[in-house]
Amino acid sequence: EEAEIGFTSSTFSFNLPSLPNGSQKDNEELAQKFVDLLCRHKEFKPCVSFGQDNSLVYATVPATSTQGAIKEEDKAKQAVGGVQLVRLSFAPTIDIEKVKNIIEESVISAYA
C-alpha cells in the first residue's frame, strides 16, 4: 500500500575497509565506532528500523544488534578484513546534503 503512493526506503549494508595500521581489535571495533560517530548527530538513530519516514537515518551493526540472535559463524561471514557489516536505513525525506556531510566527517574521524 505504501509503495503504491510512492513511499520507498533505502537500506544499505556494507563493510568499511580495515584500518591500514590497525590491530585486530581496532578493526573489530571499527564498525561500531563509525555508527557511534554518526549517531552523535540528531539526523541518525542507533537502531534497526526500516520503512519509517521521519527524516532519520537508522544505523546499526547487525552483529551486535539486539534485534535477534546472530550465530557466531554468520557474524564471521559478515566481517571483511576483520570489520563487521554496517547497515544504514535512509528515510526518503532526509536532508541529503547534511547526511552526506555527516557520513563523510564520520569516515574521516574513524580513520584518523
PDB file of N, CA and C in Angstrom:
ATOM      1  N   GLU A   1       0.828  -1.191   0.000  1.00  0.00           N
ATOM      2  CA  GLU A   1       0.000   0.000   0.000  1.00  0.00           C
ATOM      3  C   GLU A   1       0.878   1.264   0.000  1.00  0.00           C
ATOM      4  N   GLU A   2       1.899   1.296   0.861  1.00  0.00           N
ATOM      5  CA  GLU A   2       2.788   2.457   0.920  1.00  0.00           C
ATOM      6  C   GLU A   2       3.544   2.639  -0.399  1.00  0.00           C
ATOM      7  N   ALA A   3       3.984   1.535  -0.995  1.00  0.00           N
ATOM      8  CA  ALA A   3       4.718   1.621  -2.258  1.00  0.00           C
ATOM      9  C   ALA A   3       3.854   2.216  -3.359  1.00  0.00           C
ATOM     10  N   GLU A   4       2.563   1.938  -3.316  1.00  0.00           N
ATOM     11  CA  GLU A   4       1.653   2.459  -4.334  1.00  0.00           C
ATOM     12  C   GLU A   4       1.569   3.983  -4.302  1.00  0.00           C
ATOM     13  N   ILE A   5       1.799   4.589  -3.130  1.00  0.00           N
ATOM     14  CA  ILE A   5       1.735   6.053  -3.048  1.00  0.00           C
ATOM     15  C   ILE A   5       3.127   6.679  -3.142  1.00  0.00           C
ATOM     16  N   GLY A   6       4.123   5.855  -3.469  1.00  0.00           N
ATOM     17  CA  GLY A   6       5.454   6.384  -3.739  1.00  0.00           C
ATOM     18  C   GLY A   6       6.440   6.312  -2.596  1.00  0.00           C
ATOM     19  N   PHE A   7       6.052   5.747  -1.459  1.00  0.00           N
ATOM     20  CA  PHE A   7       6.975   5.663  -0.332  1.00  0.00           C
ATOM     21  C   PHE A   7       7.985   4.535  -0.552  1.00  0.00           C
ATOM     22  N   THR A   8       9.238   4.875  -0.447  1.00  0.00           N
ATOM     23  CA  THR A   8      10.292   3.865  -0.517  1.00  0.00           C
ATOM     24  C   THR A   8      11.330   4.179   0.544  1.00  0.00           C
ATOM     25  N   SER A   9      12.011   3.176   0.986  1.00  0.00           N
ATOM     26  CA  SER A   9      13.143   3.406   1.881  1.00  0.00           C
ATOM     27  C   SER A   9      14.351   2.737   1.244  1.00  0.00           C
ATOM     28  N   SER A  10      15.489   3.234   1.590  1.00  0.00           N
ATOM     29  CA  SER A  10      16.718   2.672   1.047  1.00  0.00           C
ATOM     30  C   SER A  10      17.578   2.191   2.194  1.00  0.00           C
ATOM     31  N   THR A  11      17.949   0.935   2.142  1.00  0.00           N
ATOM     32  CA  THR A  11      18.790   0.346   3.170  1.00  0.00           C
ATOM     33  C   THR A  11      20.042  -0.186   2.506  1.00  0.00           C
ATOM     34  N   PHE A  12      21.174   0.181   3.084  1.00  0.00           N
ATOM     35  CA  PHE A  12      22.458  -0.234   2.545  1.00  0.00           C
ATOM     36  C   PHE A  12      23.255  -0.947   3.625  1.00  0.00           C
ATOM     37  N   SER A  13      23.817  -2.080   3.287  1.00  0.00           N
ATOM     38  CA  SER A  13      24.717  -2.816   4.165  1.00  0.00           C
ATOM     39  C   SER A  13      26.072  -2.846   3.493  1.00  0.00           C
ATOM     40  N   PHE A  14      27.109  -2.571   4.264  1.00  0.00           N
ATOM     41  CA  PHE A  14      28.449  -2.514   3.689  1.00  0.00           C
ATOM     42  C   PHE A  14      29.497  -2.733   4.761  1.00  0.00           C
ATOM     43  N   ASN A  15      30.692  -3.080   4.319  1.00  0.00           N
ATOM     44  CA  ASN A  15      31.846  -3.208   5.207  1.00  0.00           C
ATOM     45  C   ASN A  15      32.795  -2.057   4.924  1.00  0.00           C
ATOM     46  N   LEU A  16      33.213  -1.376   5.950  1.00  0.00           N
ATOM     47  CA  LEU A  16      34.254  -0.362   5.811  1.00  0.00           C
ATOM     48  C   LEU A  16      35.578  -1.072   5.550  1.00  0.00           C
ATOM     49  N   PRO A  17      36.497  -0.420   4.860  1.00  0.00           N
ATOM     50  CA  PRO A  17      37.834  -1.025   4.704  1.00  0.00           C
ATOM     51  C   PRO A  17      38.521  -1.130   6.071  1.00  0.00           C
ATOM     52  N   SER A  18      39.307  -2.153   6.250  1.00  0.00           N
ATOM     53  CA  SER A  18      40.024  -2.287   7.523  1.00  0.00           C
ATOM     54  C   SER A  18      41.013  -1.138   7.664  1.00  0.00           C
ATOM     55  N   LEU A  19      41.360  -0.842   8.899  1.00  0.00           N
ATOM     56  CA  LEU A  19      42.314   0.233   9.180  1.00  0.00           C
ATOM     57  C   LEU A  19      43.698  -0.183   8.691  1.00  0.00           C
ATOM     58  N   PRO A  20      44.383   0.664   7.934  1.00  0.00           N
ATOM     59  CA  PRO A  20      45.677   0.289   7.351  1.00  0.00           C
ATOM     60  C   PRO A  20      46.703  -0.193   8.377  1.00  0.00           C
ATOM     61  N   ASN A  21      46.765   0.445   9.511  1.00  0.00           N
ATOM     62  CA  ASN A  21      47.735   0.056  10.544  1.00  0.00           C
ATOM     63  C   ASN A  21      47.040  -0.378  11.825  1.00  0.00           C
ATOM     64  N   GLY A  22      45.781  -0.769  11.699  1.00  0.00           N
ATOM     65  CA  GLY A  22      45.002  -1.124  12.881  1.00  0.00           C
ATOM     66  C   GLY A  22      45.264  -2.541  13.343  1.00  0.00           C
ATOM     67  N   SER A  23      45.129  -2.724  14.627  1.00  0.00           N
ATOM     68  CA  SER A  23      45.230  -4.064  15.205  1.00  0.00           C
ATOM     69  C   SER A  23      43.938  -4.824  14.913  1.00  0.00           C
ATOM     70  N   GLN A  24      43.936  -6.091  15.212  1.00  0.00           N
ATOM     71  CA  GLN A  24      42.719  -6.890  15.043  1.00  0.00           C
ATOM     72  C   GLN A  24      41.591  -6.288  15.873  1.00  0.00           C
ATOM     73  N   LYS A  25      41.896  -5.889  17.099  1.00  0.00           N
ATOM     74  CA  LYS A  25      40.895  -5.286  17.986  1.00  0.00           C
ATOM     75  C   LYS A  25      40.366  -3.977  17.389  1.00  0.00           C
ATOM     76  N   ASP A  26      41.257  -3.134  16.861  1.00  0.00           N
ATOM     77  CA  ASP A  26      40.838  -1.874  16.241  1.00  0.00           C
ATOM     78  C   ASP A  26      39.858  -2.135  15.101  1.00  0.00           C
ATOM     79  N   ASN A  27      40.161  -3.111  14.256  1.00  0.00           N
ATOM     80  CA  ASN A  27      39.295  -3.434  13.127  1.00  0.00           C
ATOM     81  C   ASN A  27      37.970  -4.036  13.584  1.00  0.00           C
ATOM     82  N   GLU A  28      38.015  -4.845  14.642  1.00  0.00           N
ATOM     83  CA  GLU A  28      36.778  -5.428  15.166  1.00  0.00           C
ATOM     84  C   GLU A  28      35.845  -4.353  15.720  1.00  0.00           C
ATOM     85  N   GLU A  29      36.409  -3.263  16.216  1.00  0.00           N
ATOM     86  CA  GLU A  29      35.622  -2.182  16.818  1.00  0.00           C
ATOM     87  C   GLU A  29      35.260  -1.074  15.825  1.00  0.00           C
ATOM     88  N   LEU A  30      35.783  -1.129  14.616  1.00  0.00           N
ATOM     89  CA  LEU A  30      35.625  -0.037  13.657  1.00  0.00           C
ATOM     90  C   LEU A  30      34.172   0.223  13.274  1.00  0.00           C
ATOM     91  N   ALA A  31      33.414  -0.802  12.973  1.00  0.00           N
ATOM     92  CA  ALA A  31      32.027  -0.607  12.543  1.00  0.00           C
ATOM     93  C   ALA A  31      31.212   0.083  13.633  1.00  0.00           C
ATOM     94  N   GLN A  32      31.364  -0.365  14.877  1.00  0.00           N
ATOM     95  CA  GLN A  32      30.614   0.258  15.968  1.00  0.00           C
ATOM     96  C   GLN A  32      31.085   1.686  16.208  1.00  0.00           C
ATOM     97  N   LYS A  33      32.383   1.914  16.095  1.00  0.00           N
ATOM     98  CA  LYS A  33      32.918   3.276  16.233  1.00  0.00           C
ATOM     99  C   LYS A  33      32.287   4.197  15.184  1.00  0.00           C
ATOM    100  N   PHE A  34      32.196   3.724  13.952  1.00  0.00           N
ATOM    101  CA  PHE A  34      31.601   4.506  12.871  1.00  0.00           C
ATOM    102  C   PHE A  34      30.140   4.822  13.173  1.00  0.00           C
ATOM    103  N   VAL A  35      29.377   3.825  13.597  1.00  0.00           N
ATOM    104  CA  VAL A  35      27.965   4.039  13.945  1.00  0.00           C
ATOM    105  C   VAL A  35      27.864   5.044  15.097  1.00  0.00           C
ATOM    106  N   ASP A  36      28.725   4.914  16.093  1.00  0.00           N
ATOM    107  CA  ASP A  36      28.698   5.855  17.222  1.00  0.00           C
ATOM    108  C   ASP A  36      29.001   7.282  16.762  1.00  0.00           C
ATOM    109  N   LEU A  37      29.953   7.433  15.847  1.00  0.00           N
ATOM    110  CA  LEU A  37      30.275   8.757  15.312  1.00  0.00           C
ATOM    111  C   LEU A  37      29.076   9.352  14.571  1.00  0.00           C
ATOM    112  N   LEU A  38      28.405   8.549  13.771  1.00  0.00           N
ATOM    113  CA  LEU A  38      27.226   9.013  13.057  1.00  0.00           C
ATOM    114  C   LEU A  38      26.134   9.445  14.027  1.00  0.00           C
ATOM    115  N   CYS A  39      25.929   8.648  15.055  1.00  0.00           N
ATOM    116  CA  CYS A  39      24.794   8.857  15.959  1.00  0.00           C
ATOM    117  C   CYS A  39      25.004   9.984  16.962  1.00  0.00           C
ATOM    118  N   ARG A  40      26.134  10.652  16.886  1.00  0.00           N
ATOM    119  CA  ARG A  40      26.310  11.871  17.681  1.00  0.00           C
ATOM    120  C   ARG A  40      25.450  12.992  17.105  1.00  0.00           C
ATOM    121  N   HIS A  41      24.940  12.793  15.906  1.00  0.00           N
ATOM    122  CA  HIS A  41      24.147  13.800  15.203  1.00  0.00           C
ATOM    123  C   HIS A  41      22.668  13.432  15.259  1.00  0.00           C
ATOM    124  N   LYS A  42      21.826  14.453  15.395  1.00  0.00           N
ATOM    125  CA  LYS A  42      20.390  14.206  15.552  1.00  0.00           C
ATOM    126  C   LYS A  42      19.727  13.598  14.312  1.00  0.00           C
ATOM    127  N   GLU A  43      20.419  13.612  13.196  1.00  0.00           N
ATOM    128  CA  GLU A  43      19.868  13.033  11.966  1.00  0.00           C
ATOM    129  C   GLU A  43      19.983  11.513  11.935  1.00  0.00           C
ATOM    130  N   PHE A  44      20.712  10.945  12.881  1.00  0.00           N
ATOM    131  CA  PHE A  44      20.941   9.497  12.930  1.00  0.00           C
ATOM    132  C   PHE A  44      20.401   8.918  14.228  1.00  0.00           C
ATOM    133  N   LYS A  45      19.964   7.682  14.158  1.00  0.00           N
ATOM    134  CA  LYS A  45      19.480   6.970  15.346  1.00  0.00           C
ATOM    135  C   LYS A  45      20.115   5.588  15.362  1.00  0.00           C
ATOM    136  N   PRO A  46      20.655   5.174  16.534  1.00  0.00           N
ATOM    137  CA  PRO A  46      21.373   3.898  16.608  1.00  0.00           C
ATOM    138  C   PRO A  46      20.465   2.695  16.847  1.00  0.00           C
ATOM    139  N   CYS A  47      19.776   2.273  15.820  1.00  0.00           N
ATOM    140  CA  CYS A  47      18.953   1.068  15.953  1.00  0.00           C
ATOM    141  C   CYS A  47      18.562   0.569  14.573  1.00  0.00           C
ATOM    142  N   VAL A  48      17.844  -0.531  14.567  1.00  0.00           N
ATOM    143  CA  VAL A  48      17.353  -1.110  13.323  1.00  0.00           C
ATOM    144  C   VAL A  48      15.925  -0.628  13.119  1.00  0.00           C
ATOM    145  N   SER A  49      15.665  -0.029  11.982  1.00  0.00           N
ATOM    146  CA  SER A  49      14.306   0.361  11.645  1.00  0.00           C
ATOM    147  C   SER A  49      14.251   0.557  10.139  1.00  0.00           C
ATOM    148  N   PHE A  50      13.257   0.003   9.539  1.00  0.00           N
ATOM    149  CA  PHE A  50      13.125   0.093   8.094  1.00  0.00           C
ATOM    150  C   PHE A  50      11.766   0.673   7.739  1.00  0.00           C
ATOM    151  N   GLY A  51      11.736   1.498   6.718  1.00  0.00           N
ATOM    152  CA  GLY A  51      10.474   1.962   6.191  1.00  0.00           C
ATOM    153  C   GLY A  51       9.821   3.106   6.941  1.00  0.00           C
ATOM    154  N   GLN A  52      10.528   3.749   7.862  1.00  0.00           N
ATOM    155  CA  GLN A  52       9.935   4.884   8.553  1.00  0.00           C
ATOM    156  C   GLN A  52      10.286   6.172   7.825  1.00  0.00           C
ATOM    157  N   ASP A  53       9.329   7.069   7.728  1.00  0.00           N
ATOM    158  CA  ASP A  53       9.567   8.346   7.076  1.00  0.00           C
ATOM    159  C   ASP A  53       9.537   9.445   8.141  1.00  0.00           C
ATOM    160  N   ASN A  54      10.612   9.555   8.901  1.00  0.00           N
ATOM    161  CA  ASN A  54      10.683  10.556   9.955  1.00  0.00           C
ATOM    162  C   ASN A  54      11.964  11.384   9.835  1.00  0.00           C
ATOM    163  N   SER A  55      12.540  11.386   8.657  1.00  0.00           N
ATOM    164  CA  SER A  55      13.745  12.171   8.347  1.00  0.00           C
ATOM    165  C   SER A  55      14.981  11.725   9.119  1.00  0.00           C
ATOM    166  N   LEU A  56      14.988  10.508   9.624  1.00  0.00           N
ATOM    167  CA  LEU A  56      16.150   9.965  10.324  1.00  0.00           C
ATOM    168  C   LEU A  56      16.834   8.898   9.484  1.00  0.00           C
ATOM    169  N   VAL A  57      18.123   8.732   9.752  1.00  0.00           N
ATOM    170  CA  VAL A  57      18.873   7.613   9.195  1.00  0.00           C
ATOM    171  C   VAL A  57      19.122   6.667  10.367  1.00  0.00           C
ATOM    172  N   TYR A  58      18.719   5.417  10.215  1.00  0.00           N
ATOM    173  CA  TYR A  58      18.947   4.420  11.252  1.00  0.00           C
ATOM    174  C   TYR A  58      20.256   3.714  10.955  1.00  0.00           C
ATOM    175  N   ALA A  59      21.077   3.566  11.973  1.00  0.00           N
ATOM    176  CA  ALA A  59      22.408   2.984  11.804  1.00  0.00           C
ATOM    177  C   ALA A  59      22.605   1.862  12.810  1.00  0.00           C
ATOM    178  N   THR A  60      23.153   0.752  12.333  1.00  0.00           N
ATOM    179  CA  THR A  60      23.397  -0.366  13.233  1.00  0.00           C
ATOM    180  C   THR A  60      24.525  -1.247  12.718  1.00  0.00           C
ATOM    181  N   VAL A  61      25.051  -2.044  13.620  1.00  0.00           N
ATOM    182  CA  VAL A  61      25.982  -3.118  13.289  1.00  0.00           C
ATOM    183  C   VAL A  61      25.192  -4.403  13.562  1.00  0.00           C
ATOM    184  N   PRO A  62      24.696  -5.067  12.518  1.00  0.00           N
ATOM    185  CA  PRO A  62      23.828  -6.223  12.739  1.00  0.00           C
ATOM    186  C   PRO A  62      24.412  -7.283  13.675  1.00  0.00           C
ATOM    187  N   ALA A  63      25.718  -7.463  13.658  1.00  0.00           N
ATOM    188  CA  ALA A  63      26.334  -8.493  14.504  1.00  0.00           C
ATOM    189  C   ALA A  63      26.185  -8.204  15.992  1.00  0.00           C
ATOM    190  N   THR A  64      25.956  -6.934  16.346  1.00  0.00           N
ATOM    191  CA  THR A  64      25.818  -6.583  17.762  1.00  0.00           C
ATOM    192  C   THR A  64      24.407  -6.135  18.097  1.00  0.00           C
ATOM    193  N   SER A  65      23.508  -6.195  17.136  1.00  0.00           N
ATOM    194  CA  SER A  65      22.134  -5.762  17.346  1.00  0.00           C
ATOM    195  C   SER A  65      21.418  -6.695  18.302  1.00  0.00           C
ATOM    196  N   THR A  66      20.502  -6.137  19.065  1.00  0.00           N
ATOM    197  CA  THR A  66      19.679  -6.952  19.959  1.00  0.00           C
ATOM    198  C   THR A  66      18.377  -7.358  19.284  1.00  0.00           C
ATOM    199  N   GLN A  67      18.249  -7.107  17.989  1.00  0.00           N
ATOM    200  CA  GLN A  67      17.025  -7.415  17.254  1.00  0.00           C
ATOM    201  C   GLN A  67      16.926  -8.888  16.852  1.00  0.00           C
ATOM    202  N   GLY A  68      17.776  -9.698  17.380  1.00  0.00           N
ATOM    203  CA  GLY A  68      17.736 -11.120  17.066  1.00  0.00           C
ATOM    204  C   GLY A  68      19.131 -11.694  17.173  1.00  0.00           C
ATOM    205  N   ALA A  69      19.187 -12.922  17.553  1.00  0.00           N
ATOM    206  CA  ALA A  69      20.486 -13.558  17.743  1.00  0.00           C
ATOM    207  C   ALA A  69      21.092 -13.928  16.391  1.00  0.00           C
ATOM    208  N   ILE A  70      22.332 -13.547  16.218  1.00  0.00           N
ATOM    209  CA  ILE A  70      23.070 -13.916  15.013  1.00  0.00           C
ATOM    210  C   ILE A  70      24.126 -14.926  15.437  1.00  0.00           C
ATOM    211  N   LYS A  71      24.155 -16.048  14.757  1.00  0.00           N
ATOM    212  CA  LYS A  71      25.128 -17.089  15.078  1.00  0.00           C
ATOM    213  C   LYS A  71      26.543 -16.578  14.843  1.00  0.00           C
ATOM    214  N   GLU A  72      27.472 -17.069  15.636  1.00  0.00           N
ATOM    215  CA  GLU A  72      28.874 -16.648  15.513  1.00  0.00           C
ATOM    216  C   GLU A  72      29.412 -16.902  14.101  1.00  0.00           C
ATOM    217  N   GLU A  73      29.017 -18.012  13.504  1.00  0.00           N
ATOM    218  CA  GLU A  73      29.502 -18.318  12.151  1.00  0.00           C
ATOM    219  C   GLU A  73      28.972 -17.303  11.132  1.00  0.00           C
ATOM    220  N   ASP A  74      27.743 -16.796  11.343  1.00  0.00           N
ATOM    221  CA  ASP A  74      27.199 -15.776  10.445  1.00  0.00           C
ATOM    222  C   ASP A  74      27.881 -14.431  10.675  1.00  0.00           C
ATOM    223  N   LYS A  75      28.201 -14.123  11.922  1.00  0.00           N
ATOM    224  CA  LYS A  75      28.950 -12.895  12.213  1.00  0.00           C
ATOM    225  C   LYS A  75      30.307 -12.931  11.511  1.00  0.00           C
ATOM    226  N   ALA A  76      30.938 -14.078  11.538  1.00  0.00           N
ATOM    227  CA  ALA A  76      32.245 -14.221  10.894  1.00  0.00           C
ATOM    228  C   ALA A  76      32.124 -14.025   9.382  1.00  0.00           C
ATOM    229  N   LYS A  77      31.034 -14.518   8.797  1.00  0.00           N
ATOM    230  CA  LYS A  77      30.819 -14.356   7.357  1.00  0.00           C
ATOM    231  C   LYS A  77      30.580 -12.895   6.990  1.00  0.00           C
ATOM    232  N   GLN A  78      29.976 -12.132   7.907  1.00  0.00           N
ATOM    233  CA  GLN A  78      29.675 -10.724   7.639  1.00  0.00           C
ATOM    234  C   GLN A  78      30.912  -9.840   7.749  1.00  0.00           C
ATOM    235  N   ALA A  79      31.904 -10.283   8.488  1.00  0.00           N
ATOM    236  CA  ALA A  79      33.112  -9.478   8.687  1.00  0.00           C
ATOM    237  C   ALA A  79      34.030  -9.619   7.472  1.00  0.00           C
ATOM    238  N   VAL A  80      34.542  -8.484   7.016  1.00  0.00           N
ATOM    239  CA  VAL A  80      35.501  -8.475   5.908  1.00  0.00           C
ATOM    240  C   VAL A  80      36.746  -7.752   6.413  1.00  0.00           C
ATOM    241  N   GLY A  81      37.884  -8.420   6.358  1.00  0.00           N
ATOM    242  CA  GLY A  81      39.104  -7.812   6.878  1.00  0.00           C
ATOM    243  C   GLY A  81      39.029  -7.555   8.369  1.00  0.00           C
ATOM    244  N   GLY A  82      38.192  -8.324   9.056  1.00  0.00           N
ATOM    245  CA  GLY A  82      38.026  -8.156  10.491  1.00  0.00           C
ATOM    246  C   GLY A  82      37.029  -7.073  10.865  1.00  0.00           C
ATOM    247  N   VAL A  83      36.420  -6.420   9.858  1.00  0.00           N
ATOM    248  CA  VAL A  83      35.480  -5.327  10.110  1.00  0.00           C
ATOM    249  C   VAL A  83      34.053  -5.824   9.873  1.00  0.00           C
ATOM    250  N   GLN A  84      33.202  -5.645  10.872  1.00  0.00           N
ATOM    251  CA  GLN A  84      31.819  -6.079  10.761  1.00  0.00           C
ATOM    252  C   GLN A  84      31.022  -5.207   9.806  1.00  0.00           C
ATOM    253  N   LEU A  85      29.930  -5.746   9.353  1.00  0.00           N
ATOM    254  CA  LEU A  85      28.983  -5.087   8.472  1.00  0.00           C
ATOM    255  C   LEU A  85      28.325  -3.902   9.183  1.00  0.00           C
ATOM    256  N   VAL A  86      28.091  -2.817   8.450  1.00  0.00           N
ATOM    257  CA  VAL A  86      27.321  -1.666   8.921  1.00  0.00           C
ATOM    258  C   VAL A  86      26.055  -1.602   8.080  1.00  0.00           C
ATOM    259  N   ARG A  87      24.935  -1.259   8.700  1.00  0.00           N
ATOM    260  CA  ARG A  87      23.688  -1.119   7.952  1.00  0.00           C
ATOM    261  C   ARG A  87      23.094   0.265   8.230  1.00  0.00           C
ATOM    262  N   LEU A  88      22.792   0.978   7.155  1.00  0.00           N
ATOM    263  CA  LEU A  88      22.156   2.286   7.251  1.00  0.00           C
ATOM    264  C   LEU A  88      20.828   2.231   6.505  1.00  0.00           C
ATOM    265  N   SER A  89      19.787   2.742   7.134  1.00  0.00           N
ATOM    266  CA  SER A  89      18.469   2.789   6.518  1.00  0.00           C
ATOM    267  C   SER A  89      18.057   4.258   6.415  1.00  0.00           C
ATOM    268  N   PHE A  90      17.871   4.723   5.192  1.00  0.00           N
ATOM    269  CA  PHE A  90      17.603   6.134   4.921  1.00  0.00           C
ATOM    270  C   PHE A  90      16.124   6.374   4.665  1.00  0.00           C
ATOM    271  N   ALA A  91      15.559   7.319   5.394  1.00  0.00           N
ATOM    272  CA  ALA A  91      14.180   7.744   5.109  1.00  0.00           C
ATOM    273  C   ALA A  91      14.203   8.600   3.843  1.00  0.00           C
ATOM    274  N   PRO A  92      13.121   8.619   3.084  1.00  0.00           N
ATOM    275  CA  PRO A  92      13.118   9.386   1.837  1.00  0.00           C
ATOM    276  C   PRO A  92      13.135  10.902   2.042  1.00  0.00           C
ATOM    277  N   THR A  93      12.908  11.361   3.256  1.00  0.00           N
ATOM    278  CA  THR A  93      12.817  12.807   3.499  1.00  0.00           C
ATOM    279  C   THR A  93      14.036  13.369   4.232  1.00  0.00           C
ATOM    280  N   ILE A  94      15.144  12.640   4.229  1.00  0.00           N
ATOM    281  CA  ILE A  94      16.343  13.147   4.912  1.00  0.00           C
ATOM    282  C   ILE A  94      16.892  14.375   4.183  1.00  0.00           C
ATOM    283  N   ASP A  95      17.658  15.159   4.905  1.00  0.00           N
ATOM    284  CA  ASP A  95      18.399  16.273   4.304  1.00  0.00           C
ATOM    285  C   ASP A  95      19.669  15.648   3.714  1.00  0.00           C
ATOM    286  N   ILE A  96      19.633  15.362   2.430  1.00  0.00           N
ATOM    287  CA  ILE A  96      20.697  14.593   1.779  1.00  0.00           C
ATOM    288  C   ILE A  96      22.064  15.242   1.950  1.00  0.00           C
ATOM    289  N   GLU A  97      22.170  16.530   1.728  1.00  0.00           N
ATOM    290  CA  GLU A  97      23.473  17.194   1.847  1.00  0.00           C
ATOM    291  C   GLU A  97      24.020  17.116   3.266  1.00  0.00           C
ATOM    292  N   LYS A  98      23.158  17.342   4.233  1.00  0.00           N
ATOM    293  CA  LYS A  98      23.597  17.295   5.633  1.00  0.00           C
ATOM    294  C   LYS A  98      24.044  15.880   6.010  1.00  0.00           C
ATOM    295  N   VAL A  99      23.249  14.888   5.639  1.00  0.00           N
ATOM    296  CA  VAL A  99      23.585  13.496   5.944  1.00  0.00           C
ATOM    297  C   VAL A  99      24.877  13.088   5.242  1.00  0.00           C
ATOM    298  N   LYS A 100      25.027  13.488   3.993  1.00  0.00           N
ATOM    299  CA  LYS A 100      26.256  13.183   3.246  1.00  0.00           C
ATOM    300  C   LYS A 100      27.476  13.761   3.964  1.00  0.00           C
ATOM    301  N   ASN A 101      27.372  15.005   4.432  1.00  0.00           N
ATOM    302  CA  ASN A 101      28.483  15.633   5.151  1.00  0.00           C
ATOM    303  C   ASN A 101      28.785  14.928   6.466  1.00  0.00           C
ATOM    304  N   ILE A 102      27.753  14.508   7.183  1.00  0.00           N
ATOM    305  CA  ILE A 102      27.948  13.790   8.452  1.00  0.00           C
ATOM    306  C   ILE A 102      28.661  12.462   8.194  1.00  0.00           C
ATOM    307  N   ILE A 103      28.237  11.744   7.159  1.00  0.00           N
ATOM    308  CA  ILE A 103      28.883  10.469   6.828  1.00  0.00           C
ATOM    309  C   ILE A 103      30.344  10.703   6.466  1.00  0.00           C
ATOM    310  N   GLU A 104      30.604  11.705   5.647  1.00  0.00           N
ATOM    311  CA  GLU A 104      31.979  11.996   5.252  1.00  0.00           C
ATOM    312  C   GLU A 104      32.847  12.350   6.469  1.00  0.00           C
ATOM    313  N   GLU A 105      32.344  13.207   7.343  1.00  0.00           N
ATOM    314  CA  GLU A 105      33.087  13.584   8.553  1.00  0.00           C
ATOM    315  C   GLU A 105      33.337  12.369   9.440  1.00  0.00           C
ATOM    316  N   SER A 106      32.351  11.490   9.537  1.00  0.00           N
ATOM    317  CA  SER A 106      32.480  10.311  10.378  1.00  0.00           C
ATOM    318  C   SER A 106      33.509   9.330   9.830  1.00  0.00           C
ATOM    319  N   VAL A 107      33.552   9.190   8.507  1.00  0.00           N
ATOM    320  CA  VAL A 107      34.568   8.333   7.884  1.00  0.00           C
ATOM    321  C   VAL A 107      35.958   8.891   8.182  1.00  0.00           C
ATOM    322  N   ILE A 108      36.123  10.202   7.999  1.00  0.00           N
ATOM    323  CA  ILE A 108      37.412  10.830   8.261  1.00  0.00           C
ATOM    324  C   ILE A 108      37.816  10.624   9.722  1.00  0.00           C
ATOM    325  N   SER A 109      36.882  10.814  10.646  1.00  0.00           N
ATOM    326  CA  SER A 109      37.175  10.635  12.073  1.00  0.00           C
ATOM    327  C   SER A 109      37.513   9.177  12.409  1.00  0.00           C
ATOM    328  N   ALA A 110      36.792   8.253  11.810  1.00  0.00           N
ATOM    329  CA  ALA A 110      37.014   6.825  12.099  1.00  0.00           C
ATOM    330  C   ALA A 110      38.409   6.373  11.664  1.00  0.00           C
ATOM    331  N   TYR A 111      38.946   6.996  10.615  1.00  0.00           N
ATOM    332  CA  TYR A 111      40.240   6.600  10.090  1.00  0.00           C
ATOM    333  C   TYR A 111      41.380   7.532  10.512  1.00  0.00           C
ATOM    334  N   ALA A 112      41.068   8.511  11.364  1.00  0.00           N
ATOM    335  CA  ALA A 112      42.106   9.466  11.817  1.00  0.00           C
ATOM    336  C   ALA A 112      43.090   8.812  12.772  1.00  0.00           C
TER     337      ALA A 112
END
